[in-house]
PDB file of N, CA and C in Angstrom:
ATOM      1  N   MET A   1     120.566   8.894 124.968  1.00  0.00           N
ATOM      2  CA  MET A   1     121.517   9.702 125.712  1.00  0.00           C
ATOM      3  C   MET A   1     120.873  10.122 127.024  1.00  0.00           C
ATOM      4  N   ASP A   2     121.660  10.422 127.999  1.00  0.00           N
ATOM      5  CA  ASP A   2     121.103  10.817 129.285  1.00  0.00           C
ATOM      6  C   ASP A   2     121.362  12.305 129.523  1.00  0.00           C
ATOM      7  N   GLU A   3     120.578  12.885 130.401  1.00  0.00           N
ATOM      8  CA  GLU A   3     120.663  14.318 130.697  1.00  0.00           C
ATOM      9  C   GLU A   3     122.054  14.727 131.188  1.00  0.00           C
ATOM     10  N   THR A   4     122.740  13.859 131.919  1.00  0.00           N
ATOM     11  CA  THR A   4     124.041  14.237 132.479  1.00  0.00           C
ATOM     12  C   THR A   4     125.104  14.409 131.399  1.00  0.00           C
ATOM     13  N   SER A   5     124.895  13.811 130.227  1.00  0.00           N
ATOM     14  CA  SER A   5     125.898  13.967 129.176  1.00  0.00           C
ATOM     15  C   SER A   5     125.873  15.373 128.582  1.00  0.00           C
ATOM     16  N   LEU A   6     124.877  16.176 128.951  1.00  0.00           N
ATOM     17  CA  LEU A   6     124.767  17.543 128.444  1.00  0.00           C
ATOM     18  C   LEU A   6     125.533  18.548 129.294  1.00  0.00           C
ATOM     19  N   GLU A   7     125.965  18.134 130.473  1.00  0.00           N
ATOM     20  CA  GLU A   7     126.674  19.062 131.356  1.00  0.00           C
ATOM     21  C   GLU A   7     127.909  19.614 130.658  1.00  0.00           C
ATOM     22  N   GLY A   8     128.043  20.938 130.712  1.00  0.00           N
ATOM     23  CA  GLY A   8     129.204  21.589 130.120  1.00  0.00           C
ATOM     24  C   GLY A   8     129.082  21.810 128.617  1.00  0.00           C
ATOM     25  N   THR A   9     127.917  21.515 128.029  1.00  0.00           N
ATOM     26  CA  THR A   9     127.725  21.750 126.598  1.00  0.00           C
ATOM     27  C   THR A   9     126.867  22.994 126.384  1.00  0.00           C
ATOM     28  N   THR A  10     126.683  23.365 125.144  1.00  0.00           N
ATOM     29  CA  THR A  10     125.854  24.528 124.808  1.00  0.00           C
ATOM     30  C   THR A  10     124.379  24.174 124.676  1.00  0.00           C
ATOM     31  N   PHE A  11     124.029  22.889 124.816  1.00  0.00           N
ATOM     32  CA  PHE A  11     122.649  22.465 124.618  1.00  0.00           C
ATOM     33  C   PHE A  11     121.802  22.718 125.865  1.00  0.00           C
ATOM     34  N   GLU A  12     120.534  23.095 125.632  1.00  0.00           N
ATOM     35  CA  GLU A  12     119.604  23.388 126.718  1.00  0.00           C
ATOM     36  C   GLU A  12     118.951  22.129 127.270  1.00  0.00           C
ATOM     37  N   GLY A  13     119.018  21.044 126.543  1.00  0.00           N
ATOM     38  CA  GLY A  13     118.397  19.781 126.931  1.00  0.00           C
ATOM     39  C   GLY A  13     118.756  18.737 125.896  1.00  0.00           C
ATOM     40  N   ARG A  14     118.065  17.610 125.958  1.00  0.00           N
ATOM     41  CA  ARG A  14     118.308  16.557 124.981  1.00  0.00           C
ATOM     42  C   ARG A  14     118.053  17.078 123.568  1.00  0.00           C
ATOM     43  N   VAL A  15     118.852  16.614 122.639  1.00  0.00           N
ATOM     44  CA  VAL A  15     118.685  17.014 121.236  1.00  0.00           C
ATOM     45  C   VAL A  15     118.597  15.768 120.370  1.00  0.00           C
ATOM     46  N   ALA A  16     117.917  15.921 119.242  1.00  0.00           N
ATOM     47  CA  ALA A  16     117.841  14.833 118.276  1.00  0.00           C
ATOM     48  C   ALA A  16     119.181  14.755 117.545  1.00  0.00           C
ATOM     49  N   HIS A  17     119.658  13.550 117.335  1.00  0.00           N
ATOM     50  CA  HIS A  17     120.887  13.349 116.577  1.00  0.00           C
ATOM     51  C   HIS A  17     120.679  13.901 115.167  1.00  0.00           C
ATOM     52  N   GLY A  18     121.685  14.560 114.620  1.00  0.00           N
ATOM     53  CA  GLY A  18     121.577  15.170 113.301  1.00  0.00           C
ATOM     54  C   GLY A  18     121.142  14.210 112.211  1.00  0.00           C
ATOM     55  N   TYR A  19     121.707  13.003 112.215  1.00  0.00           N
ATOM     56  CA  TYR A  19     121.327  12.030 111.187  1.00  0.00           C
ATOM     57  C   TYR A  19     119.895  11.527 111.382  1.00  0.00           C
ATOM     58  N   PHE A  20     119.422  11.538 112.620  1.00  0.00           N
ATOM     59  CA  PHE A  20     118.023  11.202 112.869  1.00  0.00           C
ATOM     60  C   PHE A  20     117.126  12.271 112.246  1.00  0.00           C
ATOM     61  N   VAL A  21     117.492  13.535 112.437  1.00  0.00           N
ATOM     62  CA  VAL A  21     116.731  14.644 111.848  1.00  0.00           C
ATOM     63  C   VAL A  21     116.721  14.509 110.329  1.00  0.00           C
ATOM     64  N   LEU A  22     117.871  14.214 109.744  1.00  0.00           N
ATOM     65  CA  LEU A  22     117.958  14.066 108.289  1.00  0.00           C
ATOM     66  C   LEU A  22     117.119  12.889 107.802  1.00  0.00           C
ATOM     67  N   SER A  23     117.112  11.784 108.539  1.00  0.00           N
ATOM     68  CA  SER A  23     116.316  10.634 108.122  1.00  0.00           C
ATOM     69  C   SER A  23     114.820  10.926 108.248  1.00  0.00           C
ATOM     70  N   LYS A  24     114.416  11.665 109.271  1.00  0.00           N
ATOM     71  CA  LYS A  24     113.013  12.065 109.399  1.00  0.00           C
ATOM     72  C   LYS A  24     112.632  13.009 108.262  1.00  0.00           C
ATOM     73  N   ALA A  25     113.527  13.910 107.904  1.00  0.00           N
ATOM     74  CA  ALA A  25     113.271  14.828 106.792  1.00  0.00           C
ATOM     75  C   ALA A  25     113.090  14.051 105.494  1.00  0.00           C
ATOM     76  N   ALA A  26     113.847  12.976 105.321  1.00  0.00           N
ATOM     77  CA  ALA A  26     113.718  12.159 104.102  1.00  0.00           C
ATOM     78  C   ALA A  26     112.309  11.612 103.974  1.00  0.00           C
ATOM     79  N   GLY A  27     111.687  11.321 105.078  1.00  0.00           N
ATOM     80  CA  GLY A  27     110.309  10.852 105.045  1.00  0.00           C
ATOM     81  C   GLY A  27     109.336  11.892 104.515  1.00  0.00           C
ATOM     82  N   LEU A  28     109.745  13.157 104.509  1.00  0.00           N
ATOM     83  CA  LEU A  28     108.901  14.233 103.993  1.00  0.00           C
ATOM     84  C   LEU A  28     109.038  14.407 102.478  1.00  0.00           C
ATOM     85  N   PHE A  29     110.120  13.868 101.898  1.00  0.00           N
ATOM     86  CA  PHE A  29     110.284  14.054 100.448  1.00  0.00           C
ATOM     87  C   PHE A  29     110.456  12.761  99.659  1.00  0.00           C
ATOM     88  N   VAL A  30     110.559  11.631 100.307  1.00  0.00           N
ATOM     89  CA  VAL A  30     110.697  10.359  99.598  1.00  0.00           C
ATOM     90  C   VAL A  30     109.314   9.773  99.354  1.00  0.00           C
ATOM     91  N   ASP A  31     109.052   9.421  98.096  1.00  0.00           N
ATOM     92  CA  ASP A  31     107.779   8.796  97.722  1.00  0.00           C
ATOM     93  C   ASP A  31     108.042   7.300  97.574  1.00  0.00           C
ATOM     94  N   ALA A  32     107.333   6.507  98.354  1.00  0.00           N
ATOM     95  CA  ALA A  32     107.593   5.061  98.373  1.00  0.00           C
ATOM     96  C   ALA A  32     107.108   4.342  97.116  1.00  0.00           C
ATOM     97  N   LYS A  33     106.297   5.014  96.293  1.00  0.00           N
ATOM     98  CA  LYS A  33     105.806   4.376  95.074  1.00  0.00           C
ATOM     99  C   LYS A  33     106.959   4.117  94.110  1.00  0.00           C
ATOM    100  N   LYS A  34     106.801   3.076  93.303  1.00  0.00           N
ATOM    101  CA  LYS A  34     107.810   2.780  92.298  1.00  0.00           C
ATOM    102  C   LYS A  34     107.854   3.956  91.324  1.00  0.00           C
ATOM    103  N   GLY A  35     109.041   4.422  91.030  1.00  0.00           N
ATOM    104  CA  GLY A  35     109.174   5.578  90.148  1.00  0.00           C
ATOM    105  C   GLY A  35     110.537   5.602  89.506  1.00  0.00           C
ATOM    106  N   PRO A  36     110.975   6.776  89.140  1.00  0.00           N
ATOM    107  CA  PRO A  36     112.245   6.865  88.424  1.00  0.00           C
ATOM    108  C   PRO A  36     113.485   6.683  89.304  1.00  0.00           C
ATOM    109  N   VAL A  37     113.338   6.807  90.628  1.00  0.00           N
ATOM    110  CA  VAL A  37     114.511   6.675  91.493  1.00  0.00           C
ATOM    111  C   VAL A  37     114.923   5.204  91.555  1.00  0.00           C
ATOM    112  N   LEU A  38     116.167   4.953  91.134  1.00  0.00           N
ATOM    113  CA  LEU A  38     116.697   3.590  91.160  1.00  0.00           C
ATOM    114  C   LEU A  38     117.346   3.275  92.501  1.00  0.00           C
ATOM    115  N   LEU A  39     118.050   4.282  93.074  1.00  0.00           N
ATOM    116  CA  LEU A  39     118.713   4.078  94.357  1.00  0.00           C
ATOM    117  C   LEU A  39     119.214   5.395  94.911  1.00  0.00           C
ATOM    118  N   ASN A  40     119.440   5.399  96.219  1.00  0.00           N
ATOM    119  CA  ASN A  40     120.117   6.527  96.852  1.00  0.00           C
ATOM    120  C   ASN A  40     121.597   6.357  96.581  1.00  0.00           C
ATOM    121  N   TYR A  41     122.232   7.388  96.089  1.00  0.00           N
ATOM    122  CA  TYR A  41     123.608   7.282  95.632  1.00  0.00           C
ATOM    123  C   TYR A  41     124.618   7.848  96.622  1.00  0.00           C
ATOM    124  N   GLY A  42     124.163   8.722  97.505  1.00  0.00           N
ATOM    125  CA  GLY A  42     125.097   9.263  98.483  1.00  0.00           C
ATOM    126  C   GLY A  42     124.627  10.567  99.086  1.00  0.00           C
ATOM    127  N   LEU A  43     125.493  11.135  99.878  1.00  0.00           N
ATOM    128  CA  LEU A  43     125.223  12.346 100.629  1.00  0.00           C
ATOM    129  C   LEU A  43     126.490  13.186 100.603  1.00  0.00           C
ATOM    130  N   ASP A  44     126.359  14.455 100.251  1.00  0.00           N
ATOM    131  CA  ASP A  44     127.502  15.375 100.232  1.00  0.00           C
ATOM    132  C   ASP A  44     127.187  16.597 101.092  1.00  0.00           C
ATOM    133  N   GLU A  45     128.220  17.281 101.512  1.00  0.00           N
ATOM    134  CA  GLU A  45     128.093  18.598 102.136  1.00  0.00           C
ATOM    135  C   GLU A  45     126.996  18.653 103.193  1.00  0.00           C
ATOM    136  N   CYS A  46     127.052  17.765 104.145  1.00  0.00           N
ATOM    137  CA  CYS A  46     126.038  17.677 105.191  1.00  0.00           C
ATOM    138  C   CYS A  46     126.466  18.508 106.406  1.00  0.00           C
ATOM    139  N   ARG A  47     125.553  19.367 106.867  1.00  0.00           N
ATOM    140  CA  ARG A  47     125.823  20.192 108.048  1.00  0.00           C
ATOM    141  C   ARG A  47     124.588  20.211 108.934  1.00  0.00           C
ATOM    142  N   PHE A  48     124.820  20.157 110.243  1.00  0.00           N
ATOM    143  CA  PHE A  48     123.753  20.282 111.228  1.00  0.00           C
ATOM    144  C   PHE A  48     123.977  21.622 111.908  1.00  0.00           C
ATOM    145  N   THR A  49     123.125  22.588 111.604  1.00  0.00           N
ATOM    146  CA  THR A  49     123.402  23.983 111.935  1.00  0.00           C
ATOM    147  C   THR A  49     122.711  24.508 113.187  1.00  0.00           C
ATOM    148  N   LYS A  50     121.720  23.774 113.675  1.00  0.00           N
ATOM    149  CA  LYS A  50     120.986  24.234 114.861  1.00  0.00           C
ATOM    150  C   LYS A  50     120.400  23.012 115.556  1.00  0.00           C
ATOM    151  N   PRO A  51     120.462  22.960 116.893  1.00  0.00           N
ATOM    152  CA  PRO A  51     119.907  21.799 117.589  1.00  0.00           C
ATOM    153  C   PRO A  51     118.396  21.674 117.401  1.00  0.00           C
ATOM    154  N   VAL A  52     117.930  20.446 117.368  1.00  0.00           N
ATOM    155  CA  VAL A  52     116.497  20.151 117.294  1.00  0.00           C
ATOM    156  C   VAL A  52     116.130  19.452 118.601  1.00  0.00           C
ATOM    157  N   TYR A  53     115.268  20.101 119.362  1.00  0.00           N
ATOM    158  CA  TYR A  53     114.868  19.589 120.671  1.00  0.00           C
ATOM    159  C   TYR A  53     113.576  18.784 120.560  1.00  0.00           C
ATOM    160  N   PRO A  54     113.321  17.870 121.497  1.00  0.00           N
ATOM    161  CA  PRO A  54     112.080  17.092 121.471  1.00  0.00           C
ATOM    162  C   PRO A  54     110.862  18.006 121.360  1.00  0.00           C
ATOM    163  N   GLY A  55     109.913  17.598 120.516  1.00  0.00           N
ATOM    164  CA  GLY A  55     108.696  18.364 120.320  1.00  0.00           C
ATOM    165  C   GLY A  55     108.770  19.371 119.183  1.00  0.00           C
ATOM    166  N   ALA A  56     109.954  19.565 118.620  1.00  0.00           N
ATOM    167  CA  ALA A  56     110.105  20.515 117.509  1.00  0.00           C
ATOM    168  C   ALA A  56     109.404  19.977 116.260  1.00  0.00           C
ATOM    169  N   THR A  57     109.023  20.878 115.398  1.00  0.00           N
ATOM    170  CA  THR A  57     108.424  20.534 114.111  1.00  0.00           C
ATOM    171  C   THR A  57     109.430  20.898 113.028  1.00  0.00           C
ATOM    172  N   ILE A  58     109.621  19.981 112.067  1.00  0.00           N
ATOM    173  CA  ILE A  58     110.543  20.278 110.973  1.00  0.00           C
ATOM    174  C   ILE A  58     109.811  20.222 109.637  1.00  0.00           C
ATOM    175  N   GLY A  59     110.388  20.908 108.669  1.00  0.00           N
ATOM    176  CA  GLY A  59     109.910  20.890 107.294  1.00  0.00           C
ATOM    177  C   GLY A  59     111.122  20.826 106.381  1.00  0.00           C
ATOM    178  N   VAL A  60     110.874  20.683 105.085  1.00  0.00           N
ATOM    179  CA  VAL A  60     111.976  20.532 104.129  1.00  0.00           C
ATOM    180  C   VAL A  60     111.745  21.393 102.908  1.00  0.00           C
ATOM    181  N   ARG A  61     112.798  22.096 102.494  1.00  0.00           N
ATOM    182  CA  ARG A  61     112.832  22.751 101.191  1.00  0.00           C
ATOM    183  C   ARG A  61     113.755  21.889 100.336  1.00  0.00           C
ATOM    184  N   PHE A  62     113.266  21.478  99.189  1.00  0.00           N
ATOM    185  CA  PHE A  62     113.940  20.480  98.353  1.00  0.00           C
ATOM    186  C   PHE A  62     114.153  21.106  96.976  1.00  0.00           C
ATOM    187  N   THR A  63     115.414  21.246  96.543  1.00  0.00           N
ATOM    188  CA  THR A  63     115.724  21.926  95.292  1.00  0.00           C
ATOM    189  C   THR A  63     116.705  21.111  94.464  1.00  0.00           C
ATOM    190  N   CYS A  64     116.411  20.945  93.179  1.00  0.00           N
ATOM    191  CA  CYS A  64     117.348  20.262  92.283  1.00  0.00           C
ATOM    192  C   CYS A  64     118.531  21.185  92.011  1.00  0.00           C
ATOM    193  N   LYS A  65     119.740  20.699  92.276  1.00  0.00           N
ATOM    194  CA  LYS A  65     120.957  21.482  92.061  1.00  0.00           C
ATOM    195  C   LYS A  65     121.645  21.156  90.740  1.00  0.00           C
ATOM    196  N   GLU A  66     121.643  19.864  90.386  1.00  0.00           N
ATOM    197  CA  GLU A  66     122.431  19.442  89.222  1.00  0.00           C
ATOM    198  C   GLU A  66     121.963  18.078  88.740  1.00  0.00           C
ATOM    199  N   LYS A  67     122.065  17.879  87.420  1.00  0.00           N
ATOM    200  CA  LYS A  67     121.775  16.579  86.817  1.00  0.00           C
ATOM    201  C   LYS A  67     123.023  16.132  86.067  1.00  0.00           C
ATOM    202  N   ILE A  68     123.427  14.876  86.296  1.00  0.00           N
ATOM    203  CA  ILE A  68     124.652  14.348  85.699  1.00  0.00           C
ATOM    204  C   ILE A  68     124.322  13.063  84.952  1.00  0.00           C
ATOM    205  N   ASN A  69     124.570  13.047  83.659  1.00  0.00           N
ATOM    206  CA  ASN A  69     124.328  11.839  82.872  1.00  0.00           C
ATOM    207  C   ASN A  69     125.320  10.747  83.242  1.00  0.00           C
ATOM    208  N   GLN A  70     124.861   9.511  83.202  1.00  0.00           N
ATOM    209  CA  GLN A  70     125.712   8.344  83.446  1.00  0.00           C
ATOM    210  C   GLN A  70     125.802   7.537  82.153  1.00  0.00           C
ATOM    211  N   GLU A  71     126.964   7.028  81.875  1.00  0.00           N
ATOM    212  CA  GLU A  71     127.158   6.174  80.702  1.00  0.00           C
ATOM    213  C   GLU A  71     126.539   4.807  80.960  1.00  0.00           C
ATOM    214  N   LYS A  72     125.945   4.235  79.925  1.00  0.00           N
ATOM    215  CA  LYS A  72     125.460   2.863  80.031  1.00  0.00           C
ATOM    216  C   LYS A  72     126.658   1.933  80.132  1.00  0.00           C
ATOM    217  N   LYS A  73     126.572   0.939  81.004  1.00  0.00           N
ATOM    218  CA  LYS A  73     127.663  -0.026  81.166  1.00  0.00           C
ATOM    219  C   LYS A  73     127.588  -1.141  80.135  1.00  0.00           C
ATOM    220  N   SER A  74     126.387  -1.334  79.579  1.00  0.00           N
ATOM    221  CA  SER A  74     126.199  -2.330  78.531  1.00  0.00           C
ATOM    222  C   SER A  74     124.997  -1.910  77.696  1.00  0.00           C
ATOM    223  N   GLU A  75     124.772  -2.598  76.610  1.00  0.00           N
ATOM    224  CA  GLU A  75     123.632  -2.297  75.749  1.00  0.00           C
ATOM    225  C   GLU A  75     122.309  -2.542  76.467  1.00  0.00           C
ATOM    226  N   ASP A  76     122.297  -3.479  77.409  1.00  0.00           N
ATOM    227  CA  ASP A  76     121.081  -3.821  78.150  1.00  0.00           C
ATOM    228  C   ASP A  76     120.816  -2.894  79.342  1.00  0.00           C
ATOM    229  N   ASP A  77     121.783  -2.062  79.680  1.00  0.00           N
ATOM    230  CA  ASP A  77     121.662  -1.160  80.825  1.00  0.00           C
ATOM    231  C   ASP A  77     120.601  -0.093  80.540  1.00  0.00           C
ATOM    232  N   VAL A  78     119.924   0.390  81.594  1.00  0.00           N
ATOM    233  CA  VAL A  78     118.942   1.465  81.430  1.00  0.00           C
ATOM    234  C   VAL A  78     119.659   2.812  81.344  1.00  0.00           C
ATOM    235  N   ALA A  79     119.057   3.752  80.606  1.00  0.00           N
ATOM    236  CA  ALA A  79     119.577   5.115  80.576  1.00  0.00           C
ATOM    237  C   ALA A  79     119.264   5.755  81.921  1.00  0.00           C
ATOM    238  N   LYS A  80     120.270   6.335  82.549  1.00  0.00           N
ATOM    239  CA  LYS A  80     120.098   6.864  83.904  1.00  0.00           C
ATOM    240  C   LYS A  80     121.051   8.019  84.151  1.00  0.00           C
ATOM    241  N   GLY A  81     120.899   8.638  85.293  1.00  0.00           N
ATOM    242  CA  GLY A  81     121.794   9.715  85.688  1.00  0.00           C
ATOM    243  C   GLY A  81     121.699   9.945  87.187  1.00  0.00           C
ATOM    244  N   ILE A  82     122.538  10.849  87.658  1.00  0.00           N
ATOM    245  CA  ILE A  82     122.562  11.228  89.068  1.00  0.00           C
ATOM    246  C   ILE A  82     121.943  12.618  89.180  1.00  0.00           C
ATOM    247  N   VAL A  83     121.016  12.763  90.119  1.00  0.00           N
ATOM    248  CA  VAL A  83     120.431  14.071  90.395  1.00  0.00           C
ATOM    249  C   VAL A  83     120.863  14.472  91.796  1.00  0.00           C
ATOM    250  N   LYS A  84     121.437  15.691  91.894  1.00  0.00           N
ATOM    251  CA  LYS A  84     121.844  16.237  93.185  1.00  0.00           C
ATOM    252  C   LYS A  84     120.764  17.199  93.656  1.00  0.00           C
ATOM    253  N   PHE A  85     120.243  16.940  94.862  1.00  0.00           N
ATOM    254  CA  PHE A  85     119.208  17.781  95.455  1.00  0.00           C
ATOM    255  C   PHE A  85     119.751  18.484  96.692  1.00  0.00           C
ATOM    256  N   LEU A  86     119.467  19.778  96.821  1.00  0.00           N
ATOM    257  CA  LEU A  86     119.742  20.493  98.059  1.00  0.00           C
ATOM    258  C   LEU A  86     118.567  20.244  98.990  1.00  0.00           C
ATOM    259  N   VAL A  87     118.860  19.737 100.176  1.00  0.00           N
ATOM    260  CA  VAL A  87     117.836  19.491 101.189  1.00  0.00           C
ATOM    261  C   VAL A  87     118.100  20.466 102.336  1.00  0.00           C
ATOM    262  N   ASP A  88     117.158  21.376 102.540  1.00  0.00           N
ATOM    263  CA  ASP A  88     117.239  22.374 103.604  1.00  0.00           C
ATOM    264  C   ASP A  88     116.162  22.024 104.621  1.00  0.00           C
ATOM    265  N   VAL A  89     116.570  21.501 105.757  1.00  0.00           N
ATOM    266  CA  VAL A  89     115.629  21.132 106.818  1.00  0.00           C
ATOM    267  C   VAL A  89     115.506  22.335 107.751  1.00  0.00           C
ATOM    268  N   TYR A  90     114.265  22.733 108.021  1.00  0.00           N
ATOM    269  CA  TYR A  90     114.048  23.910 108.864  1.00  0.00           C
ATOM    270  C   TYR A  90     113.098  23.576 110.008  1.00  0.00           C
ATOM    271  N   ASP A  91     113.134  24.407 111.036  1.00  0.00           N
ATOM    272  CA  ASP A  91     112.262  24.184 112.194  1.00  0.00           C
ATOM    273  C   ASP A  91     111.042  25.095 112.134  1.00  0.00           C
ATOM    274  N   GLU A  92     110.242  25.072 113.194  1.00  0.00           N
ATOM    275  CA  GLU A  92     108.997  25.838 113.203  1.00  0.00           C
ATOM    276  C   GLU A  92     109.215  27.351 113.139  1.00  0.00           C
ATOM    277  N   THR A  93     110.428  27.815 113.400  1.00  0.00           N
ATOM    278  CA  THR A  93     110.718  29.252 113.281  1.00  0.00           C
ATOM    279  C   THR A  93     111.158  29.612 111.857  1.00  0.00           C
ATOM    280  N   GLY A  94     111.342  28.590 111.008  1.00  0.00           N
ATOM    281  CA  GLY A  94     111.812  28.827 109.640  1.00  0.00           C
ATOM    282  C   GLY A  94     113.324  28.794 109.513  1.00  0.00           C
ATOM    283  N   GLU A  95     114.017  28.607 110.634  1.00  0.00           N
ATOM    284  CA  GLU A  95     115.478  28.571 110.605  1.00  0.00           C
ATOM    285  C   GLU A  95     115.987  27.201 110.162  1.00  0.00           C
ATOM    286  N   THR A  96     117.051  27.210 109.400  1.00  0.00           N
ATOM    287  CA  THR A  96     117.672  25.970 108.938  1.00  0.00           C
ATOM    288  C   THR A  96     118.306  25.241 110.113  1.00  0.00           C
ATOM    289  N   VAL A  97     118.003  23.929 110.217  1.00  0.00           N
ATOM    290  CA  VAL A  97     118.618  23.095 111.246  1.00  0.00           C
ATOM    291  C   VAL A  97     119.601  22.094 110.639  1.00  0.00           C
ATOM    292  N   ALA A  98     119.445  21.811 109.330  1.00  0.00           N
ATOM    293  CA  ALA A  98     120.353  20.892 108.634  1.00  0.00           C
ATOM    294  C   ALA A  98     120.324  21.217 107.141  1.00  0.00           C
ATOM    295  N   LEU A  99     121.491  21.075 106.520  1.00  0.00           N
ATOM    296  CA  LEU A  99     121.641  21.249 105.070  1.00  0.00           C
ATOM    297  C   LEU A  99     122.425  20.075 104.539  1.00  0.00           C
ATOM    298  N   ALA A 100     122.006  19.550 103.402  1.00  0.00           N
ATOM    299  CA  ALA A 100     122.749  18.451 102.795  1.00  0.00           C
ATOM    300  C   ALA A 100     122.467  18.415 101.302  1.00  0.00           C
ATOM    301  N   THR A 101     123.387  17.824 100.583  1.00  0.00           N
ATOM    302  CA  THR A 101     123.159  17.514  99.177  1.00  0.00           C
ATOM    303  C   THR A 101     122.949  16.015  99.096  1.00  0.00           C
ATOM    304  N   ILE A 102     121.756  15.622  98.644  1.00  0.00           N
ATOM    305  CA  ILE A 102     121.395  14.221  98.497  1.00  0.00           C
ATOM    306  C   ILE A 102     121.554  13.847  97.023  1.00  0.00           C
ATOM    307  N   LEU A 103     122.173  12.704  96.758  1.00  0.00           N
ATOM    308  CA  LEU A 103     122.348  12.236  95.387  1.00  0.00           C
ATOM    309  C   LEU A 103     121.469  11.014  95.165  1.00  0.00           C
ATOM    310  N   THR A 104     120.710  11.038  94.078  1.00  0.00           N
ATOM    311  CA  THR A 104     119.894   9.889  93.725  1.00  0.00           C
ATOM    312  C   THR A 104     120.201   9.472  92.297  1.00  0.00           C
ATOM    313  N   MET A 105     120.172   8.181  92.057  1.00  0.00           N
ATOM    314  CA  MET A 105     120.306   7.664  90.695  1.00  0.00           C
ATOM    315  C   MET A 105     118.900   7.481  90.163  1.00  0.00           C
ATOM    316  N   VAL A 106     118.620   8.082  89.006  1.00  0.00           N
ATOM    317  CA  VAL A 106     117.277   8.018  88.443  1.00  0.00           C
ATOM    318  C   VAL A 106     117.301   7.473  87.020  1.00  0.00           C
ATOM    319  N   LYS A 107     116.232   6.760  86.703  1.00  0.00           N
ATOM    320  CA  LYS A 107     116.035   6.248  85.346  1.00  0.00           C
ATOM    321  C   LYS A 107     115.482   7.391  84.504  1.00  0.00           C
ATOM    322  N   LYS A 108     116.012   7.565  83.308  1.00  0.00           N
ATOM    323  CA  LYS A 108     115.512   8.606  82.421  1.00  0.00           C
ATOM    324  C   LYS A 108     114.113   8.253  81.940  1.00  0.00           C
ATOM    325  N   ARG A 109     113.267   9.257  81.805  1.00  0.00           N
ATOM    326  CA  ARG A 109     111.895   9.046  81.321  1.00  0.00           C
ATOM    327  C   ARG A 109     111.909   8.406  79.946  1.00  0.00           C
ATOM    328  N   ASN A 110     112.631   9.043  79.051  1.00  0.00           N
ATOM    329  CA  ASN A 110     112.779   8.539  77.698  1.00  0.00           C
ATOM    330  C   ASN A 110     114.177   7.947  77.605  1.00  0.00           C
ATOM    331  N   GLN A 111     114.269   6.707  77.318  1.00  0.00           N
ATOM    332  CA  GLN A 111     115.554   6.016  77.311  1.00  0.00           C
ATOM    333  C   GLN A 111     116.510   6.538  76.230  1.00  0.00           C
ATOM    334  N   GLU A 112     116.038   7.436  75.379  1.00  0.00           N
ATOM    335  CA  GLU A 112     116.883   8.020  74.334  1.00  0.00           C
ATOM    336  C   GLU A 112     117.331   9.428  74.692  1.00  0.00           C
ATOM    337  N   ASP A 113     116.689  10.068  75.690  1.00  0.00           N
ATOM    338  CA  ASP A 113     116.934  11.473  76.004  1.00  0.00           C
ATOM    339  C   ASP A 113     117.972  11.667  77.084  1.00  0.00           C
ATOM    340  N   GLU A 114     118.391  12.936  77.200  1.00  0.00           N
ATOM    341  CA  GLU A 114     119.254  13.356  78.298  1.00  0.00           C
ATOM    342  C   GLU A 114     118.383  13.496  79.545  1.00  0.00           C
ATOM    343  N   LEU A 115     119.028  13.636  80.701  1.00  0.00           N
ATOM    344  CA  LEU A 115     118.307  13.847  81.961  1.00  0.00           C
ATOM    345  C   LEU A 115     117.504  15.122  81.916  1.00  0.00           C
TER     346      LEU A 115
END
């Protein structure tokens, strides 16, 4: 984006796109090692609440909100479920800049147990 596109807006300068901020935040909580996460399932209730300017530092508060069991589609299917996480992205002042609910599909530890 160019500086002239900011004329007449509430922004003080260039800002990071909200989804860019969210994707950078994911790098703070996603572990690339093979584990129980089978796939990213979706994103709910996403809000960008404060602009993030170049040079800002962000952090993430990550909280499990809900676990939802999934039915096996066949006898050979793995036992799995959906976990909803609240992702609160904050800046160096501690203020929230983005909030979202991230959904992940996870393999159950014990294939006989609930999530």
